[in-house]
C-alpha cells in the first residue's frame, strides 16, 4: 500500500470513527475534530485490543477498533471538561 493511500485510509477511518463516536457520545467537533478524535481513538483502541489479545484486519475491524477507542477518548475528555454553568459572562 502506498503511503498516500495509507494516509487517506487513516483519514477516512478517522472521520467515520470520530463521527460515529461523536454521535454515540452526543459531541459535535466538526470535520477535522472528528478526524483527529477518530485517529487518536484508533491508536487508543488498537492499544486496548492488543493488550486484550484481540486482533483483526480489514476496514470493518479497523472502524470498530477506532470507534471504540474514540468513545473511550471522548469519555475521558468529558471527565476533564468543566460543566457549563448556563450563565453568560
PDB file of N, CA and C in Angstrom:
ATOM      1  N   UNK A   1       0.854  -1.176   0.000  1.00  0.00           N
ATOM      2  CA  UNK A   1       0.000   0.000   0.000  1.00  0.00           C
ATOM      3  C   UNK A   1       0.899   1.238   0.000  1.00  0.00           C
ATOM      4  N   UNK A   2       0.589   2.168  -0.850  1.00  0.00           N
ATOM      5  CA  UNK A   2       1.407   3.373  -0.910  1.00  0.00           C
ATOM      6  C   UNK A   2       1.155   4.242   0.315  1.00  0.00           C
ATOM      7  N   UNK A   3       2.097   5.116   0.599  1.00  0.00           N
ATOM      8  CA  UNK A   3       1.985   5.991   1.768  1.00  0.00           C
ATOM      9  C   UNK A   3       0.782   6.908   1.638  1.00  0.00           C
ATOM     10  N   UNK A   4       0.560   7.450   0.452  1.00  0.00           N
ATOM     11  CA  UNK A   4      -0.573   8.347   0.240  1.00  0.00           C
ATOM     12  C   UNK A   4      -1.894   7.621   0.465  1.00  0.00           C
ATOM     13  N   UNK A   5      -1.996   6.407  -0.019  1.00  0.00           N
ATOM     14  CA  UNK A   5      -3.213   5.619   0.170  1.00  0.00           C
ATOM     15  C   UNK A   5      -3.410   5.273   1.640  1.00  0.00           C
ATOM     16  N   UNK A   6      -2.330   4.965   2.339  1.00  0.00           N
ATOM     17  CA  UNK A   6      -2.428   4.653   3.766  1.00  0.00           C
ATOM     18  C   UNK A   6      -2.892   5.870   4.560  1.00  0.00           C
ATOM     19  N   UNK A   7      -2.373   7.053   4.242  1.00  0.00           N
ATOM     20  CA  UNK A   7      -2.788   8.280   4.923  1.00  0.00           C
ATOM     21  C   UNK A   7      -4.262   8.568   4.630  1.00  0.00           C
ATOM     22  N   UNK A   8      -4.667   8.388   3.385  1.00  0.00           N
ATOM     23  CA  UNK A   8      -6.065   8.586   3.018  1.00  0.00           C
ATOM     24  C   UNK A   8      -6.964   7.611   3.776  1.00  0.00           C
ATOM     25  N   UNK A   9      -6.532   6.366   3.920  1.00  0.00           N
ATOM     26  CA  UNK A   9      -7.280   5.360   4.669  1.00  0.00           C
ATOM     27  C   UNK A   9      -7.432   5.790   6.122  1.00  0.00           C
ATOM     28  N   UNK A  10      -6.364   6.289   6.743  1.00  0.00           N
ATOM     29  CA  UNK A  10      -6.424   6.758   8.134  1.00  0.00           C
ATOM     30  C   UNK A  10      -7.398   7.912   8.274  1.00  0.00           C
ATOM     31  N   UNK A  11      -7.401   8.840   7.307  1.00  0.00           N
ATOM     32  CA  UNK A  11      -8.305   9.988   7.382  1.00  0.00           C
ATOM     33  C   UNK A  11      -9.757   9.539   7.244  1.00  0.00           C
ATOM     34  N   UNK A  12     -10.018   8.628   6.320  1.00  0.00           N
ATOM     35  CA  UNK A  12     -11.390   8.132   6.136  1.00  0.00           C
ATOM     36  C   UNK A  12     -11.861   7.381   7.373  1.00  0.00           C
ATOM     37  N   UNK A  13     -11.050   6.471   7.868  1.00  0.00           N
ATOM     38  CA  UNK A  13     -11.410   5.727   9.084  1.00  0.00           C
ATOM     39  C   UNK A  13     -11.562   6.694  10.251  1.00  0.00           C
ATOM     40  N   UNK A  14     -10.639   7.651  10.383  1.00  0.00           N
ATOM     41  CA  UNK A  14     -10.711   8.627  11.473  1.00  0.00           C
ATOM     42  C   UNK A  14     -11.966   9.467  11.415  1.00  0.00           C
ATOM     43  N   UNK A  15     -12.324   9.936  10.223  1.00  0.00           N
ATOM     44  CA  UNK A  15     -13.524  10.761  10.076  1.00  0.00           C
ATOM     45  C   UNK A  15     -14.777   9.966  10.427  1.00  0.00           C
ATOM     46  N   UNK A  16     -14.868   8.752   9.915  1.00  0.00           N
ATOM     47  CA  UNK A  16     -16.037   7.922  10.219  1.00  0.00           C
ATOM     48  C   UNK A  16     -16.098   7.566  11.703  1.00  0.00           C
ATOM     49  N   UNK A  17     -14.971   7.150  12.250  1.00  0.00           N
ATOM     50  CA  UNK A  17     -14.942   6.758  13.659  1.00  0.00           C
ATOM     51  C   UNK A  17     -15.254   7.940  14.569  1.00  0.00           C
ATOM     52  N   UNK A  18     -14.676   9.098  14.271  1.00  0.00           N
ATOM     53  CA  UNK A  18     -14.940  10.290  15.077  1.00  0.00           C
ATOM     54  C   UNK A  18     -16.392  10.715  14.996  1.00  0.00           C
ATOM     55  N   UNK A  19     -16.974  10.631  13.800  1.00  0.00           N
ATOM     56  CA  UNK A  19     -18.376  10.998  13.617  1.00  0.00           C
ATOM     57  C   UNK A  19     -19.295  10.033  14.366  1.00  0.00           C
ATOM     58  N   UNK A  20     -19.026   8.728  14.243  1.00  0.00           N
ATOM     59  CA  UNK A  20     -19.846   7.725  14.935  1.00  0.00           C
ATOM     60  C   UNK A  20     -19.703   7.870  16.448  1.00  0.00           C
ATOM     61  N   UNK A  21     -18.468   8.029  16.924  1.00  0.00           N
ATOM     62  CA  UNK A  21     -18.246   8.189  18.368  1.00  0.00           C
ATOM     63  C   UNK A  21     -18.897   9.470  18.879  1.00  0.00           C
ATOM     64  N   UNK A  22     -18.816  10.543  18.090  1.00  0.00           N
ATOM     65  CA  UNK A  22     -19.467  11.790  18.479  1.00  0.00           C
ATOM     66  C   UNK A  22     -20.973  11.623  18.576  1.00  0.00           C
ATOM     67  N   UNK A  23     -21.554  10.871  17.644  1.00  0.00           N
ATOM     68  CA  UNK A  23     -22.994  10.615  17.688  1.00  0.00           C
ATOM     69  C   UNK A  23     -23.358   9.775  18.913  1.00  0.00           C
ATOM     70  N   UNK A  24     -22.546   8.801  19.230  1.00  0.00           N
ATOM     71  CA  UNK A  24     -22.805   7.953  20.401  1.00  0.00           C
ATOM     72  C   UNK A  24     -22.716   8.770  21.688  1.00  0.00           C
ATOM     73  N   UNK A  25     -21.702   9.636  21.766  1.00  0.00           N
ATOM     74  CA  UNK A  25     -21.459  10.407  22.991  1.00  0.00           C
ATOM     75  C   UNK A  25     -22.159  11.765  23.012  1.00  0.00           C
ATOM     76  N   UNK A  26     -22.832  12.135  21.925  1.00  0.00           N
ATOM     77  CA  UNK A  26     -23.523  13.417  21.875  1.00  0.00           C
ATOM     78  C   UNK A  26     -22.583  14.605  21.800  1.00  0.00           C
ATOM     79  N   UNK A  27     -21.492  14.470  21.040  1.00  0.00           N
ATOM     80  CA  UNK A  27     -20.472  15.516  20.923  1.00  0.00           C
ATOM     81  C   UNK A  27     -20.359  15.912  19.457  1.00  0.00           C
ATOM     82  N   UNK A  28     -20.251  17.218  19.206  1.00  0.00           N
ATOM     83  CA  UNK A  28     -20.039  17.715  17.836  1.00  0.00           C
ATOM     84  C   UNK A  28     -18.732  18.483  17.814  1.00  0.00           C
ATOM     85  N   UNK A  29     -17.784  17.990  17.040  1.00  0.00           N
ATOM     86  CA  UNK A  29     -16.454  18.611  16.983  1.00  0.00           C
ATOM     87  C   UNK A  29     -16.119  19.152  15.608  1.00  0.00           C
ATOM     88  N   UNK A  30     -16.973  18.991  14.608  1.00  0.00           N
ATOM     89  CA  UNK A  30     -16.654  19.413  13.254  1.00  0.00           C
ATOM     90  C   UNK A  30     -15.840  18.347  12.536  1.00  0.00           C
ATOM     91  N   UNK A  31     -15.653  18.535  11.225  1.00  0.00           N
ATOM     92  CA  UNK A  31     -14.991  17.511  10.420  1.00  0.00           C
ATOM     93  C   UNK A  31     -13.586  17.191  10.912  1.00  0.00           C
ATOM     94  N   UNK A  32     -12.725  18.212  11.034  1.00  0.00           N
ATOM     95  CA  UNK A  32     -11.332  17.953  11.420  1.00  0.00           C
ATOM     96  C   UNK A  32     -11.228  17.494  12.869  1.00  0.00           C
ATOM     97  N   UNK A  33     -12.126  17.962  13.722  1.00  0.00           N
ATOM     98  CA  UNK A  33     -12.154  17.466  15.100  1.00  0.00           C
ATOM     99  C   UNK A  33     -12.499  15.991  15.132  1.00  0.00           C
ATOM    100  N   UNK A  34     -13.478  15.594  14.299  1.00  0.00           N
ATOM    101  CA  UNK A  34     -13.843  14.178  14.211  1.00  0.00           C
ATOM    102  C   UNK A  34     -12.689  13.338  13.688  1.00  0.00           C
ATOM    103  N   UNK A  35     -11.989  13.854  12.673  1.00  0.00           N
ATOM    104  CA  UNK A  35     -10.846  13.122  12.121  1.00  0.00           C
ATOM    105  C   UNK A  35      -9.787  12.921  13.207  1.00  0.00           C
ATOM    106  N   UNK A  36      -9.464  13.977  13.919  1.00  0.00           N
ATOM    107  CA  UNK A  36      -8.449  13.894  14.972  1.00  0.00           C
ATOM    108  C   UNK A  36      -8.875  12.934  16.079  1.00  0.00           C
ATOM    109  N   UNK A  37     -10.105  13.066  16.540  1.00  0.00           N
ATOM    110  CA  UNK A  37     -10.612  12.160  17.583  1.00  0.00           C
ATOM    111  C   UNK A  37     -10.618  10.721  17.085  1.00  0.00           C
ATOM    112  N   UNK A  38     -11.020  10.519  15.836  1.00  0.00           N
ATOM    113  CA  UNK A  38     -11.044   9.169  15.274  1.00  0.00           C
ATOM    114  C   UNK A  38      -9.664   8.559  15.141  1.00  0.00           C
ATOM    115  N   UNK A  39      -8.681   9.349  14.697  1.00  0.00           N
ATOM    116  CA  UNK A  39      -7.321   8.817  14.546  1.00  0.00           C
ATOM    117  C   UNK A  39      -6.707   8.513  15.906  1.00  0.00           C
ATOM    118  N   UNK A  40      -6.853   9.433  16.856  1.00  0.00           N
ATOM    119  CA  UNK A  40      -6.343   9.165  18.207  1.00  0.00           C
ATOM    120  C   UNK A  40      -7.099   7.985  18.815  1.00  0.00           C
ATOM    121  N   UNK A  41      -8.403   7.936  18.560  1.00  0.00           N
ATOM    122  CA  UNK A  41      -9.215   6.809  19.029  1.00  0.00           C
ATOM    123  C   UNK A  41      -8.754   5.488  18.443  1.00  0.00           C
ATOM    124  N   UNK A  42      -8.314   5.510  17.185  1.00  0.00           N
ATOM    125  CA  UNK A  42      -7.804   4.282  16.563  1.00  0.00           C
ATOM    126  C   UNK A  42      -6.559   3.792  17.275  1.00  0.00           C
ATOM    127  N   UNK A  43      -5.695   4.717  17.661  1.00  0.00           N
ATOM    128  CA  UNK A  43      -4.485   4.341  18.400  1.00  0.00           C
ATOM    129  C   UNK A  43      -4.868   3.782  19.771  1.00  0.00           C
ATOM    130  N   UNK A  44      -5.752   4.490  20.475  1.00  0.00           N
ATOM    131  CA  UNK A  44      -6.201   4.037  21.803  1.00  0.00           C
ATOM    132  C   UNK A  44      -6.876   2.671  21.690  1.00  0.00           C
ATOM    133  N   UNK A  45      -7.787   2.533  20.738  1.00  0.00           N
ATOM    134  CA  UNK A  45      -8.481   1.260  20.548  1.00  0.00           C
ATOM    135  C   UNK A  45      -7.532   0.147  20.169  1.00  0.00           C
ATOM    136  N   UNK A  46      -6.556   0.444  19.318  1.00  0.00           N
ATOM    137  CA  UNK A  46      -5.575  -0.564  18.928  1.00  0.00           C
ATOM    138  C   UNK A  46      -4.738  -1.041  20.101  1.00  0.00           C
ATOM    139  N   UNK A  47      -4.342  -0.098  20.962  1.00  0.00           N
ATOM    140  CA  UNK A  47      -3.579  -0.478  22.160  1.00  0.00           C
ATOM    141  C   UNK A  47      -4.407  -1.360  23.085  1.00  0.00           C
ATOM    142  N   UNK A  48      -5.661  -0.967  23.291  1.00  0.00           N
ATOM    143  CA  UNK A  48      -6.542  -1.744  24.176  1.00  0.00           C
ATOM    144  C   UNK A  48      -6.782  -3.139  23.599  1.00  0.00           C
ATOM    145  N   UNK A  49      -7.100  -3.205  22.314  1.00  0.00           N
ATOM    146  CA  UNK A  49      -7.371  -4.513  21.688  1.00  0.00           C
ATOM    147  C   UNK A  49      -6.150  -5.415  21.729  1.00  0.00           C
ATOM    148  N   UNK A  50      -4.963  -4.850  21.486  1.00  0.00           N
ATOM    149  CA  UNK A  50      -3.765  -5.686  21.505  1.00  0.00           C
ATOM    150  C   UNK A  50      -3.449  -6.161  22.921  1.00  0.00           C
ATOM    151  N   UNK A  51      -3.700  -5.315  23.927  1.00  0.00           N
ATOM    152  CA  UNK A  51      -3.478  -5.742  25.313  1.00  0.00           C
ATOM    153  C   UNK A  51      -4.488  -6.794  25.760  1.00  0.00           C
ATOM    154  N   UNK A  52      -5.652  -6.800  25.139  1.00  0.00           N
ATOM    155  CA  UNK A  52      -6.653  -7.825  25.448  1.00  0.00           C
ATOM    156  C   UNK A  52      -6.435  -9.102  24.637  1.00  0.00           C
ATOM    157  N   UNK A  53      -5.459  -9.060  23.737  1.00  0.00           N
ATOM    158  CA  UNK A  53      -5.169 -10.229  22.909  1.00  0.00           C
ATOM    159  C   UNK A  53      -6.112 -10.376  21.732  1.00  0.00           C
ATOM    160  N   UNK A  54      -6.832  -9.314  21.405  1.00  0.00           N
ATOM    161  CA  UNK A  54      -7.759  -9.352  20.276  1.00  0.00           C
ATOM    162  C   UNK A  54      -7.108  -8.690  19.085  1.00  0.00           C
ATOM    163  N   UNK A  55      -7.343  -9.212  17.934  1.00  0.00           N
ATOM    164  CA  UNK A  55      -6.768  -8.609  16.742  1.00  0.00           C
ATOM    165  C   UNK A  55      -7.592  -8.949  15.526  1.00  0.00           C
ATOM    166  N   UNK A  56      -7.448  -8.163  14.535  1.00  0.00           N
ATOM    167  CA  UNK A  56      -8.161  -8.394  13.292  1.00  0.00           C
ATOM    168  C   UNK A  56      -7.579  -7.506  12.223  1.00  0.00           C
ATOM    169  N   UNK A  57      -8.159  -7.582  11.057  1.00  0.00           N
ATOM    170  CA  UNK A  57      -7.690  -6.738   9.968  1.00  0.00           C
ATOM    171  C   UNK A  57      -8.873  -6.387   9.086  1.00  0.00           C
ATOM    172  N   UNK A  58      -8.658  -5.446   8.227  1.00  0.00           N
ATOM    173  CA  UNK A  58      -9.697  -5.042   7.299  1.00  0.00           C
ATOM    174  C   UNK A  58     -10.397  -3.772   7.747  1.00  0.00           C
ATOM    175  N   UNK A  59     -11.219  -3.270   6.836  1.00  0.00           N
ATOM    176  CA  UNK A  59     -11.903  -1.999   7.054  1.00  0.00           C
ATOM    177  C   UNK A  59     -12.816  -2.034   8.270  1.00  0.00           C
ATOM    178  N   UNK A  60     -13.667  -3.051   8.373  1.00  0.00           N
ATOM    179  CA  UNK A  60     -14.671  -3.077   9.449  1.00  0.00           C
ATOM    180  C   UNK A  60     -14.035  -3.246  10.818  1.00  0.00           C
ATOM    181  N   UNK A  61     -13.004  -4.086  10.919  1.00  0.00           N
ATOM    182  CA  UNK A  61     -12.310  -4.250  12.198  1.00  0.00           C
ATOM    183  C   UNK A  61     -11.614  -2.951  12.590  1.00  0.00           C
ATOM    184  N   UNK A  62     -10.983  -2.308  11.623  1.00  0.00           N
ATOM    185  CA  UNK A  62     -10.310  -1.030  11.887  1.00  0.00           C
ATOM    186  C   UNK A  62     -11.314   0.017  12.341  1.00  0.00           C
ATOM    187  N   UNK A  63     -12.466   0.072  11.683  1.00  0.00           N
ATOM    188  CA  UNK A  63     -13.501   1.039  12.060  1.00  0.00           C
ATOM    189  C   UNK A  63     -14.034   0.747  13.453  1.00  0.00           C
ATOM    190  N   UNK A  64     -14.308  -0.514  13.756  1.00  0.00           N
ATOM    191  CA  UNK A  64     -14.810  -0.887  15.087  1.00  0.00           C
ATOM    192  C   UNK A  64     -13.803  -0.531  16.176  1.00  0.00           C
ATOM    193  N   UNK A  65     -12.543  -0.835  15.937  1.00  0.00           N
ATOM    194  CA  UNK A  65     -11.488  -0.517  16.894  1.00  0.00           C
ATOM    195  C   UNK A  65     -11.359   0.992  17.095  1.00  0.00           C
ATOM    196  N   UNK A  66     -11.400   1.743  16.001  1.00  0.00           N
ATOM    197  CA  UNK A  66     -11.285   3.201  16.084  1.00  0.00           C
ATOM    198  C   UNK A  66     -12.478   3.815  16.802  1.00  0.00           C
ATOM    199  N   UNK A  67     -13.672   3.322  16.531  1.00  0.00           N
ATOM    200  CA  UNK A  67     -14.870   3.851  17.206  1.00  0.00           C
ATOM    201  C   UNK A  67     -14.799   3.563  18.699  1.00  0.00           C
ATOM    202  N   UNK A  68     -14.431   2.346  19.067  1.00  0.00           N
ATOM    203  CA  UNK A  68     -14.323   2.001  20.491  1.00  0.00           C
ATOM    204  C   UNK A  68     -13.295   2.900  21.177  1.00  0.00           C
ATOM    205  N   UNK A  69     -12.159   3.095  20.561  1.00  0.00           N
ATOM    206  CA  UNK A  69     -11.133   3.958  21.135  1.00  0.00           C
ATOM    207  C   UNK A  69     -11.579   5.406  21.212  1.00  0.00           C
ATOM    208  N   UNK A  70     -12.287   5.885  20.187  1.00  0.00           N
ATOM    209  CA  UNK A  70     -12.756   7.269  20.177  1.00  0.00           C
ATOM    210  C   UNK A  70     -13.820   7.500  21.248  1.00  0.00           C
ATOM    211  N   UNK A  71     -14.696   6.526  21.468  1.00  0.00           N
ATOM    212  CA  UNK A  71     -15.702   6.646  22.532  1.00  0.00           C
ATOM    213  C   UNK A  71     -15.006   6.716  23.890  1.00  0.00           C
ATOM    214  N   UNK A  72     -14.008   5.875  24.096  1.00  0.00           N
ATOM    215  CA  UNK A  72     -13.247   5.906  25.351  1.00  0.00           C
ATOM    216  C   UNK A  72     -12.542   7.250  25.505  1.00  0.00           C
ATOM    217  N   UNK A  73     -11.939   7.750  24.422  1.00  0.00           N
ATOM    218  CA  UNK A  73     -11.262   9.045  24.450  1.00  0.00           C
ATOM    219  C   UNK A  73     -12.238  10.168  24.791  1.00  0.00           C
ATOM    220  N   UNK A  74     -13.409  10.181  24.164  1.00  0.00           N
ATOM    221  CA  UNK A  74     -14.404  11.218  24.445  1.00  0.00           C
ATOM    222  C   UNK A  74     -14.915  11.126  25.885  1.00  0.00           C
ATOM    223  N   UNK A  75     -15.066   9.912  26.403  1.00  0.00           N
ATOM    224  CA  UNK A  75     -15.494   9.757  27.796  1.00  0.00           C
ATOM    225  C   UNK A  75     -14.448  10.316  28.754  1.00  0.00           C
ATOM    226  N   UNK A  76     -13.168  10.077  28.452  1.00  0.00           N
ATOM    227  CA  UNK A  76     -12.096  10.613  29.294  1.00  0.00           C
ATOM    228  C   UNK A  76     -12.065  12.139  29.199  1.00  0.00           C
ATOM    229  N   UNK A  77     -12.182  12.666  27.977  1.00  0.00           N
ATOM    230  CA  UNK A  77     -12.199  14.121  27.816  1.00  0.00           C
ATOM    231  C   UNK A  77     -13.379  14.762  28.531  1.00  0.00           C
ATOM    232  N   UNK A  78     -14.522  14.098  28.520  1.00  0.00           N
ATOM    233  CA  UNK A  78     -15.711  14.614  29.195  1.00  0.00           C
ATOM    234  C   UNK A  78     -15.476  14.735  30.704  1.00  0.00           C
ATOM    235  N   UNK A  79     -14.688  13.840  31.277  1.00  0.00           N
ATOM    236  CA  UNK A  79     -14.413  13.895  32.720  1.00  0.00           C
ATOM    237  C   UNK A  79     -13.596  15.128  33.086  1.00  0.00           C
ATOM    238  N   UNK A  80     -12.765  15.629  32.146  1.00  0.00           N
ATOM    239  CA  UNK A  80     -11.885  16.743  32.453  1.00  0.00           C
ATOM    240  C   UNK A  80     -12.435  18.102  32.056  1.00  0.00           C
ATOM    241  N   UNK A  81     -13.515  18.123  31.319  1.00  0.00           N
ATOM    242  CA  UNK A  81     -14.113  19.403  30.929  1.00  0.00           C
ATOM    243  C   UNK A  81     -15.004  19.922  32.030  1.00  0.00           C
ATOM    244  N   UNK A  82     -14.964  21.249  32.206  1.00  0.00           N
ATOM    245  CA  UNK A  82     -15.830  21.864  33.200  1.00  0.00           C
ATOM    246  C   UNK A  82     -17.269  21.848  32.695  1.00  0.00           C
ATOM    247  N   UNK A  83     -18.218  21.578  33.569  1.00  0.00           N
ATOM    248  CA  UNK A  83     -19.623  21.620  33.140  1.00  0.00           C
ATOM    249  C   UNK A  83     -20.038  23.073  32.860  1.00  0.00           C
ATOM    250  N   UNK A  84     -20.923  23.232  31.897  1.00  0.00           N
ATOM    251  CA  UNK A  84     -21.443  24.572  31.560  1.00  0.00           C
ATOM    252  C   UNK A  84     -22.328  25.037  32.693  1.00  0.00           C
ATOM    253  N   UNK A  85     -22.165  26.312  33.073  1.00  0.00           N
ATOM    254  CA  UNK A  85     -22.958  26.848  34.179  1.00  0.00           C
ATOM    255  C   UNK A  85     -24.274  27.426  33.697  1.00  0.00           C
ATOM    256  N   UNK A  86     -24.355  27.711  32.411  1.00  0.00           N
ATOM    257  CA  UNK A  86     -25.579  28.268  31.885  1.00  0.00           C
ATOM    258  C   UNK A  86     -25.672  29.772  32.048  1.00  0.00           C
ATOM    259  N   UNK A  87     -24.633  30.401  32.562  1.00  0.00           N
ATOM    260  CA  UNK A  87     -24.627  31.855  32.740  1.00  0.00           C
ATOM    261  C   UNK A  87     -23.771  32.509  31.679  1.00  0.00           C
ATOM    262  N   UNK A  88     -24.245  33.638  31.179  1.00  0.00           N
ATOM    263  CA  UNK A  88     -23.443  34.411  30.230  1.00  0.00           C
ATOM    264  C   UNK A  88     -22.508  35.326  31.000  1.00  0.00           C
ATOM    265  N   UNK A  89     -21.338  35.512  30.453  1.00  0.00           N
ATOM    266  CA  UNK A  89     -20.375  36.373  31.133  1.00  0.00           C
ATOM    267  C   UNK A  89     -20.378  37.744  30.542  1.00  0.00           C
TER     268      UNK A  89
END
